[in-house]
Amino acid sequence: HRIIERGIRDSQALDTETLCILAGEKVWQLRIDIHILDNSGNLTDACALAAIAALQHFRLPAINIGTGKTVEVFDSDTREPIPLAIHHTPYCFTFGLFEDSLNKSRQFIAIDPNLSEESVIRGRLTIALNVHKEICTVHKNGGLAVSFETVMNCCSIASQKVVNLHNLLKDELSKADAVE
């Protein structure tokens, strides 16, 4: 999903300059592969959360630049690996858009639509925002036109939920770090 990439890379959530090893010559390359094991609906939000959790949990190996631009990479037993420099954490919130069959001007929304809801929605609105409630990206697909009021309502709902999701992820990452 391009929305996940836009939410992370295009919002400059990750400090890409810290991935530089030797200016103009060597750089760390990060790649996230997500393998879907089960689909209960709303894969975008689940995959985005998995991607950001992976980036926050990942550690780069410590390095030393020697004479002649030689790079020595240390294993985790020799030197403590370094966490990625992350400016902010974008979280995706997807809303299923429904149209009232009796009154076409009325819309209904469902946050985090499940698989059966996804089969009947007329559109989808995904909003990525960080814990500071700053919008990182907005993506709308599907044929249903969305009113300004609906978009603002979805932004308001997402901004209410983002702090809880952020705290949940932070707690789970702390537990994972404690196990290591």
Protein backbone atom coordinates (compact mmCIF):
# COMPACT_ATOMS: atom_id res chain seq x y z
CA HIS A 1 0.00 0.00 0.00
CA ARG A 2 1.40 3.36 -1.02
CA ILE A 3 -0.50 4.98 1.88
CA ILE A 4 1.84 3.28 4.38
CA GLU A 5 4.90 4.53 2.53
CA ARG A 6 3.43 8.04 2.31
CA GLY A 7 2.59 8.01 6.01
CA ILE A 8 6.14 7.09 7.00
CA ARG A 9 8.54 8.33 4.32
CA ASP A 10 6.78 11.31 2.82
CA SER A 11 5.85 12.69 6.25
CA GLN A 12 9.57 12.49 7.16
CA ALA A 13 8.82 10.38 10.22
CA LEU A 14 12.23 8.74 9.93
CA ASP A 15 15.42 10.81 10.00
CA THR A 16 16.95 9.44 6.79
CA GLU A 17 20.16 11.44 7.24
CA THR A 18 21.08 9.22 10.19
CA LEU A 19 21.16 6.25 7.80
CA CYS A 20 24.24 7.73 6.11
CA ILE A 21 27.46 5.83 6.82
CA LEU A 22 29.84 7.66 4.44
CA ALA A 23 28.51 10.75 2.68
CA GLY A 24 27.92 10.04 -0.99
CA GLU A 25 29.20 6.47 -0.71
CA LYS A 26 27.51 4.22 1.84
CA VAL A 27 24.10 4.26 3.45
CA TRP A 28 21.96 1.85 5.42
CA GLN A 29 19.01 0.61 3.39
CA LEU A 30 15.79 -0.24 5.19
CA ARG A 31 13.04 -2.34 3.72
CA ILE A 32 9.86 -3.56 5.32
CA ASP A 33 8.17 -6.65 3.94
CA ILE A 34 4.75 -7.41 5.36
CA HIS A 35 3.28 -10.87 4.96
CA ILE A 36 -0.46 -11.16 5.56
CA LEU A 37 -1.41 -14.27 7.54
CA ASP A 38 -5.10 -13.49 8.00
CA ASN A 39 -7.49 -10.82 6.80
CA SER A 40 -10.30 -9.75 9.10
CA GLY A 41 -10.54 -6.40 7.34
CA ASN A 42 -8.73 -3.06 7.38
CA LEU A 43 -5.33 -4.34 6.33
CA THR A 44 -4.05 -0.79 5.81
CA ASP A 45 -4.16 0.15 9.49
CA ALA A 46 -2.83 -3.21 10.64
CA CYS A 47 0.07 -3.13 8.17
CA ALA A 48 0.89 0.50 8.96
CA LEU A 49 1.00 -0.27 12.68
CA ALA A 50 3.20 -3.33 12.05
CA ALA A 51 5.58 -1.26 9.90
CA ILE A 52 5.96 1.53 12.44
CA ALA A 53 6.37 -0.97 15.29
CA ALA A 54 9.10 -2.73 13.31
CA LEU A 55 10.92 0.56 12.71
CA GLN A 56 10.73 1.50 16.38
CA HIS A 57 11.92 -1.92 17.52
CA PHE A 58 14.74 -2.21 14.94
CA ARG A 59 18.32 -1.39 15.93
CA LEU A 60 21.18 -0.57 13.55
CA PRO A 61 24.52 -2.22 14.28
CA ALA A 62 27.14 0.11 15.75
CA ILE A 63 29.89 1.04 13.29
CA ASN A 64 33.34 2.58 13.29
CA ILE A 65 34.81 4.50 10.36
CA GLY A 66 38.52 3.79 10.18
CA THR A 67 41.33 5.28 8.17
CA GLY A 68 40.88 5.02 4.43
CA LYS A 69 37.11 5.09 4.86
CA THR A 70 36.95 1.49 6.03
CA VAL A 71 33.74 0.63 7.83
CA GLU A 72 33.78 -1.77 10.75
CA VAL A 73 30.36 -3.18 11.70
CA PHE A 74 29.99 -4.51 15.25
CA ASP A 75 27.69 -7.31 16.31
CA SER A 76 25.29 -6.74 19.17
CA ASP A 77 27.51 -8.65 21.62
CA THR A 78 30.41 -6.26 21.03
CA ARG A 79 28.59 -2.92 20.95
CA GLU A 80 25.03 -1.90 21.74
CA PRO A 81 22.96 -1.49 18.54
CA ILE A 82 21.51 1.96 17.87
CA PRO A 83 17.77 2.71 17.56
CA LEU A 84 16.56 4.50 14.45
CA ALA A 85 16.08 8.25 14.75
CA ILE A 86 12.33 8.67 14.40
CA HIS A 87 10.97 12.23 14.41
CA HIS A 88 7.35 11.23 14.93
CA THR A 89 5.15 8.17 14.61
CA PRO A 90 2.32 8.26 12.07
CA TYR A 91 -0.70 6.09 12.86
CA CYS A 92 -3.33 5.19 10.25
CA PHE A 93 -7.05 5.30 10.93
CA THR A 94 -9.33 4.04 8.18
CA PHE A 95 -13.01 4.87 7.92
CA GLY A 96 -15.50 2.95 5.81
CA LEU A 97 -17.96 5.28 4.08
CA PHE A 98 -21.58 4.25 3.69
CA GLU A 99 -24.43 5.96 1.92
CA ASP A 100 -27.94 6.02 3.36
CA SER A 101 -30.05 4.08 0.85
CA LEU A 102 -33.14 6.19 1.66
CA ASN A 103 -31.41 9.57 1.74
CA LYS A 104 -28.40 9.75 -0.61
CA SER A 105 -27.21 13.02 0.95
CA ARG A 106 -26.65 11.28 4.31
CA GLN A 107 -23.43 9.37 4.99
CA PHE A 108 -22.41 6.96 7.70
CA ILE A 109 -18.87 6.10 8.73
CA ALA A 110 -17.35 3.10 10.47
CA ILE A 111 -13.86 3.32 11.92
CA ASP A 112 -11.68 0.23 11.42
CA PRO A 113 -14.10 -1.57 9.09
CA ASN A 114 -14.09 -5.37 9.32
CA LEU A 115 -14.16 -7.68 6.31
CA SER A 116 -17.96 -7.84 6.06
CA GLU A 117 -18.23 -4.04 6.36
CA GLU A 118 -15.57 -3.64 3.68
CA SER A 119 -17.70 -5.70 1.30
CA VAL A 120 -20.49 -3.08 1.39
CA ILE A 121 -18.71 0.25 1.89
CA ARG A 122 -18.92 2.76 -0.94
CA GLY A 123 -15.63 4.46 -0.13
CA ARG A 124 -12.72 4.54 2.26
CA LEU A 125 -10.93 7.42 3.96
CA THR A 126 -7.57 6.81 5.62
CA ILE A 127 -6.01 9.48 7.80
CA ALA A 128 -2.46 9.13 9.13
CA LEU A 129 -1.60 11.37 12.05
CA ASN A 130 0.94 11.43 14.83
CA VAL A 131 0.55 11.67 18.60
CA HIS A 132 0.73 15.47 18.33
CA LYS A 133 -2.45 15.22 16.22
CA GLU A 134 -0.64 16.51 13.13
CA ILE A 135 -1.99 15.05 9.90
CA CYS A 136 0.72 13.19 7.99
CA THR A 137 -1.35 12.10 5.01
CA VAL A 138 -4.94 11.62 3.89
CA HIS A 139 -6.03 9.08 1.31
CA LYS A 140 -9.52 8.67 -0.10
CA ASN A 141 -10.56 5.90 -2.45
CA GLY A 142 -13.88 4.59 -3.67
CA GLY A 143 -16.65 6.29 -5.57
CA LEU A 144 -18.57 7.95 -2.76
CA ALA A 145 -18.03 11.70 -2.56
CA VAL A 146 -17.05 12.85 0.92
CA SER A 147 -18.24 16.10 2.45
CA PHE A 148 -15.90 18.45 4.27
CA GLU A 149 -17.88 17.80 7.46
CA THR A 150 -17.34 14.04 7.14
CA VAL A 151 -13.58 14.50 6.66
CA MET A 152 -13.41 16.81 9.69
CA ASN A 153 -15.48 14.37 11.75
CA CYS A 154 -13.10 11.53 10.81
CA CYS A 155 -10.08 13.70 11.70
CA SER A 156 -11.64 14.46 15.08
CA ILE A 157 -12.30 10.77 15.80
CA ALA A 158 -8.76 9.80 14.73
CA SER A 159 -7.22 12.54 16.89
CA GLN A 160 -9.16 11.19 19.89
CA LYS A 161 -7.86 7.65 19.29
CA VAL A 162 -4.23 8.37 18.39
CA VAL A 163 -2.94 8.92 21.94
CA ASN A 164 -4.35 5.58 23.15
CA LEU A 165 -2.84 3.73 20.18
CA HIS A 166 0.50 5.47 20.71
CA ASN A 167 0.55 4.50 24.41
CA LEU A 168 -0.43 0.92 23.61
CA LEU A 169 2.41 0.58 21.08
CA LYS A 170 4.88 2.21 23.47
CA ASP A 171 3.92 -0.24 26.24
CA GLU A 172 4.19 -3.27 23.95
CA LEU A 173 7.60 -2.16 22.63
CA SER A 174 8.81 -1.70 26.22
CA LYS A 175 7.70 -5.25 27.02
CA ALA A 176 9.49 -6.57 23.93
CA ASP A 177 12.69 -4.70 24.87
CA ALA A 178 12.52 -6.13 28.40
CA VAL A 179 12.43 -9.68 27.03
CA GLU A 180 15.61 -9.24 25.00
